[in-house]
C-alpha atoms as a PDB file:
ATOM      1  CA  MET A   1     147.960  82.418 118.437  1.00  0.00           C
ATOM      2  CA  ASN A   2     145.935  79.214 117.991  1.00  0.00           C
ATOM      3  CA  VAL A   3     147.090  77.988 121.376  1.00  0.00           C
ATOM      4  CA  LEU A   4     145.966  81.231 123.031  1.00  0.00           C
ATOM      5  CA  LYS A   5     142.497  80.984 121.464  1.00  0.00           C
ATOM      6  CA  TYR A   6     142.205  77.329 122.466  1.00  0.00           C
ATOM      7  CA  LEU A   7     143.282  78.031 126.060  1.00  0.00           C
ATOM      8  CA  THR A   8     140.872  80.970 126.290  1.00  0.00           C
ATOM      9  CA  LEU A   9     137.985  78.797 125.056  1.00  0.00           C
ATOM     10  CA  LEU A  10     138.968  75.968 127.402  1.00  0.00           C
ATOM     11  CA  PHE A  11     139.228  78.349 130.371  1.00  0.00           C
ATOM     12  CA  THR A  12     135.868  79.967 129.572  1.00  0.00           C
ATOM     13  CA  ALA A  13     134.150  76.591 129.235  1.00  0.00           C
ATOM     14  CA  SER A  14     135.722  75.419 132.505  1.00  0.00           C
ATOM     15  CA  VAL A  15     134.545  78.521 134.365  1.00  0.00           C
ATOM     16  CA  LEU A  16     131.021  78.168 132.995  1.00  0.00           C
ATOM     17  CA  LEU A  17     130.903  74.489 133.910  1.00  0.00           C
ATOM     18  CA  ALA A  18     132.284  75.142 137.393  1.00  0.00           C
ATOM     19  CA  CYS A  19     129.875  77.998 138.112  1.00  0.00           C
ATOM     20  CA  GLY A  20     126.746  76.362 136.757  1.00  0.00           C
ATOM     21  CA  SER A  21     124.530  73.910 138.521  1.00  0.00           C
ATOM     22  CA  VAL A  22     121.633  71.803 137.420  1.00  0.00           C
ATOM     23  CA  ASP A  23     118.888  70.585 139.715  1.00  0.00           C
ATOM     24  CA  ILE A  24     117.936  67.311 138.075  1.00  0.00           C
ATOM     25  CA  ARG A  25     115.278  66.663 140.716  1.00  0.00           C
ATOM     26  CA  SER A  26     112.835  69.501 140.155  1.00  0.00           C
ATOM     27  CA  PRO A  27     109.665  69.162 142.212  1.00  0.00           C
ATOM     28  CA  SER A  28     106.535  68.052 140.400  1.00  0.00           C
ATOM     29  CA  LYS A  29     103.100  69.583 140.927  1.00  0.00           C
ATOM     30  CA  ASP A  30     102.334  67.311 143.879  1.00  0.00           C
ATOM     31  CA  GLY A  31     105.611  68.253 145.623  1.00  0.00           C
ATOM     32  CA  ALA A  32     107.378  64.941 144.977  1.00  0.00           C
ATOM     33  CA  ALA A  33     110.757  64.961 143.283  1.00  0.00           C
ATOM     34  CA  ALA A  34     110.714  64.091 139.596  1.00  0.00           C
ATOM     35  CA  PRO A  35     112.632  60.926 138.727  1.00  0.00           C
ATOM     36  CA  GLU A  36     116.262  61.467 137.781  1.00  0.00           C
ATOM     37  CA  PRO A  37     117.111  60.853 134.137  1.00  0.00           C
ATOM     38  CA  SER A  38     119.295  57.820 133.484  1.00  0.00           C
ATOM     39  CA  ALA A  39     122.885  58.199 132.376  1.00  0.00           C
ATOM     40  CA  ALA A  40     121.884  56.992 128.904  1.00  0.00           C
ATOM     41  CA  GLN A  41     119.163  59.665 128.657  1.00  0.00           C
ATOM     42  CA  LEU A  42     121.646  62.407 129.553  1.00  0.00           C
ATOM     43  CA  ALA A  43     124.445  61.125 127.334  1.00  0.00           C
ATOM     44  CA  GLY A  44     122.508  61.043 124.045  1.00  0.00           C
ATOM     45  CA  ASP A  45     124.993  59.790 121.431  1.00  0.00           C
ATOM     46  CA  MET A  46     127.582  58.727 124.027  1.00  0.00           C
ATOM     47  CA  PRO A  47     127.431  55.000 124.968  1.00  0.00           C
ATOM     48  CA  ILE A  48     127.225  54.357 128.727  1.00  0.00           C
ATOM     49  CA  PRO A  49     128.293  51.046 130.336  1.00  0.00           C
ATOM     50  CA  GLN A  50     125.629  48.854 131.990  1.00  0.00           C
ATOM     51  CA  GLY A  51     125.316  49.436 135.735  1.00  0.00           C
ATOM     52  CA  SER A  52     126.593  53.023 135.601  1.00  0.00           C
ATOM     53  CA  THR A  53     125.132  55.540 138.036  1.00  0.00           C
ATOM     54  CA  ILE A  54     125.233  59.322 137.729  1.00  0.00           C
ATOM     55  CA  ARG A  55     127.087  61.392 140.307  1.00  0.00           C
ATOM     56  CA  PRO A  56     124.694  64.389 140.186  1.00  0.00           C
ATOM     57  CA  GLN A  57     126.831  66.828 142.199  1.00  0.00           C
ATOM     58  CA  GLU A  58     129.554  66.587 139.542  1.00  0.00           C
ATOM     59  CA  THR A  59     127.323  66.476 136.453  1.00  0.00           C
ATOM     60  CA  LEU A  60     126.249  69.411 134.290  1.00  0.00           C
ATOM     61  CA  VAL A  61     124.580  68.790 130.929  1.00  0.00           C
ATOM     62  CA  ILE A  62     123.404  71.527 128.590  1.00  0.00           C
ATOM     63  CA  GLY A  63     121.230  70.408 125.690  1.00  0.00           C
ATOM     64  CA  SER A  64     120.251  66.866 124.785  1.00  0.00           C
ATOM     65  CA  GLY A  65     120.515  64.149 122.168  1.00  0.00           C
ATOM     66  CA  ASN A  66     123.371  64.533 119.718  1.00  0.00           C
ATOM     67  CA  ARG A  67     123.970  68.188 120.584  1.00  0.00           C
ATOM     68  CA  TRP A  68     124.575  68.151 124.346  1.00  0.00           C
ATOM     69  CA  MET A  69     127.630  69.785 125.924  1.00  0.00           C
ATOM     70  CA  GLY A  70     128.948  69.606 129.451  1.00  0.00           C
ATOM     71  CA  ARG A  71     130.146  67.004 131.899  1.00  0.00           C
ATOM     72  CA  ILE A  72     128.684  63.678 133.006  1.00  0.00           C
ATOM     73  CA  SER A  73     130.252  62.095 136.063  1.00  0.00           C
ATOM     74  CA  LEU A  74     129.590  58.389 136.565  1.00  0.00           C
ATOM     75  CA  SER A  75     130.326  55.572 138.975  1.00  0.00           C
ATOM     76  CA  VAL A  76     130.977  52.511 136.828  1.00  0.00           C
ATOM     77  CA  PRO A  77     131.445  48.968 138.183  1.00  0.00           C
ATOM     78  CA  GLY A  78     134.146  46.670 136.815  1.00  0.00           C
ATOM     79  CA  GLU A  79     137.830  46.751 136.054  1.00  0.00           C
ATOM     80  CA  SER A  80     139.446  49.967 134.780  1.00  0.00           C
ATOM     81  CA  GLN A  81     140.922  48.228 131.745  1.00  0.00           C
ATOM     82  CA  ALA A  82     137.516  46.847 130.730  1.00  0.00           C
ATOM     83  CA  ILE A  83     135.959  50.333 131.013  1.00  0.00           C
ATOM     84  CA  TYR A  84     138.851  51.802 128.998  1.00  0.00           C
ATOM     85  CA  THR A  85     138.316  49.153 126.288  1.00  0.00           C
ATOM     86  CA  TYR A  86     134.543  49.763 126.335  1.00  0.00           C
ATOM     87  CA  TYR A  87     135.019  53.447 125.454  1.00  0.00           C
ATOM     88  CA  ARG A  88     137.978  52.947 123.100  1.00  0.00           C
ATOM     89  CA  ASP A  89     136.083  50.367 121.049  1.00  0.00           C
ATOM     90  CA  GLY A  90     132.480  51.513 121.613  1.00  0.00           C
ATOM     91  CA  LEU A  91     132.546  55.216 120.795  1.00  0.00           C
ATOM     92  CA  PRO A  92     133.758  54.777 117.189  1.00  0.00           C
ATOM     93  CA  SER A  93     130.682  52.633 116.505  1.00  0.00           C
ATOM     94  CA  ALA A  94     128.580  55.585 117.728  1.00  0.00           C
ATOM     95  CA  GLY A  95     130.274  57.910 115.225  1.00  0.00           C
ATOM     96  CA  TRP A  96     133.067  59.257 117.454  1.00  0.00           C
ATOM     97  CA  ALA A  97     136.634  59.219 116.070  1.00  0.00           C
ATOM     98  CA  LEU A  98     139.434  58.426 118.538  1.00  0.00           C
ATOM     99  CA  THR A  99     142.073  61.178 118.364  1.00  0.00           C
ATOM    100  CA  SER A 100     144.282  60.265 121.339  1.00  0.00           C
ATOM    101  CA  SER A 101     144.406  57.921 124.301  1.00  0.00           C
ATOM    102  CA  SER A 102     146.491  57.116 127.340  1.00  0.00           C
ATOM    103  CA  TYR A 103     146.005  54.130 129.650  1.00  0.00           C
ATOM    104  CA  SER A 104     147.377  54.335 133.216  1.00  0.00           C
ATOM    105  CA  LYS A 105     146.066  54.845 136.769  1.00  0.00           C
ATOM    106  CA  LEU A 106     144.329  57.918 135.356  1.00  0.00           C
ATOM    107  CA  SER A 107     143.332  57.110 131.773  1.00  0.00           C
ATOM    108  CA  PHE A 108     142.210  59.564 129.094  1.00  0.00           C
ATOM    109  CA  LEU A 109     140.579  59.069 125.721  1.00  0.00           C
ATOM    110  CA  THR A 110     139.808  61.942 123.367  1.00  0.00           C
ATOM    111  CA  PHE A 111     137.274  61.688 120.550  1.00  0.00           C
ATOM    112  CA  SER A 112     135.833  64.032 117.936  1.00  0.00           C
ATOM    113  CA  LYS A 113     132.501  64.015 116.155  1.00  0.00           C
ATOM    114  CA  ALA A 114     131.251  66.765 113.838  1.00  0.00           C
ATOM    115  CA  GLU A 115     131.548  70.028 115.779  1.00  0.00           C
ATOM    116  CA  ARG A 116     132.265  68.450 119.189  1.00  0.00           C
ATOM    117  CA  VAL A 117     135.181  66.988 121.135  1.00  0.00           C
ATOM    118  CA  ALA A 118     134.748  64.461 123.956  1.00  0.00           C
ATOM    119  CA  THR A 119     137.223  63.553 126.667  1.00  0.00           C
ATOM    120  CA  VAL A 120     136.694  60.422 128.754  1.00  0.00           C
ATOM    121  CA  GLN A 121     138.633  60.258 132.024  1.00  0.00           C
ATOM    122  CA  ILE A 122     138.746  56.937 133.909  1.00  0.00           C
ATOM    123  CA  GLN A 123     140.122  56.448 137.414  1.00  0.00           C
ATOM    124  CA  ALA A 124     139.735  53.566 139.863  1.00  0.00           C
ATOM    125  CA  ALA A 125     137.523  54.603 142.802  1.00  0.00           C
ATOM    126  CA  SER A 126     138.701  54.291 146.393  1.00  0.00           C
ATOM    127  CA  PHE A 127     136.107  51.655 147.326  1.00  0.00           C
ATOM    128  CA  GLY A 128     135.926  49.655 144.098  1.00  0.00           C
ATOM    129  CA  GLY A 129     134.582  50.432 140.684  1.00  0.00           C
ATOM    130  CA  ASN A 130     135.616  53.449 138.644  1.00  0.00           C
ATOM    131  CA  GLU A 131     134.975  57.154 138.454  1.00  0.00           C
ATOM    132  CA  VAL A 132     134.359  58.124 134.835  1.00  0.00           C
ATOM    133  CA  THR A 133     134.041  61.729 133.712  1.00  0.00           C
ATOM    134  CA  ILE A 134     132.880  62.483 130.178  1.00  0.00           C
ATOM    135  CA  THR A 135     133.351  66.080 129.055  1.00  0.00           C
ATOM    136  CA  VAL A 136     131.943  67.249 125.722  1.00  0.00           C
ATOM    137  CA  THR A 137     132.816  70.695 124.355  1.00  0.00           C
ATOM    138  CA  PRO A 138     132.534  72.507 121.033  1.00  0.00           C
ATOM    139  CA  ALA A 139     135.454  71.830 118.700  1.00  0.00           C
ATOM    140  CA  THR A 140     137.678  74.787 117.984  1.00  0.00           C
ATOM    141  CA  LYS A 141     138.434  75.607 114.401  1.00  0.00           C
ATOM    142  CA  PRO A 142     142.062  76.310 113.587  1.00  0.00           C
ATOM    143  CA  ALA A 143     142.780  79.800 112.353  1.00  0.00           C
ATOM    144  CA  ASN A 144     143.730  79.984 108.692  1.00  0.00           C
ATOM    145  CA  ALA A 145     147.443  80.279 108.230  1.00  0.00           C
ATOM    146  CA  THR A 146     148.438  83.508 106.554  1.00  0.00           C
ATOM    147  CA  PRO A 147     151.526  83.658 104.350  1.00  0.00           C
END
């Protein structure tokens, strides 16, 4: 039953993230586009490597600071292994606990912090650098076992 609840929550969150869109560049009063927030401003309590740029078409952030949920998609320069190490070693110092990890051509790291779970996906980009997707969702609470 726990698995069914988890899959239902995951499916619902995925549908909401896929259907939503955020226009980061809302026009200002004089008609010019407002400056885009930096990756660090969007990520709140999630460390972001130097030189990272946001991929706005694939990013959806709801909330801010230490309570944001959603997906941040980044282009990150450097070697995949260095980016993997950056997140594996850097997120625990920001209060995130590593719960699982897998390093390969498509690497995943999963962290938890308070009432949230974060997944970091790292993949080498076609033309150099890396595509990094950080997804933060509410943590599910296991159902109490009944005797």
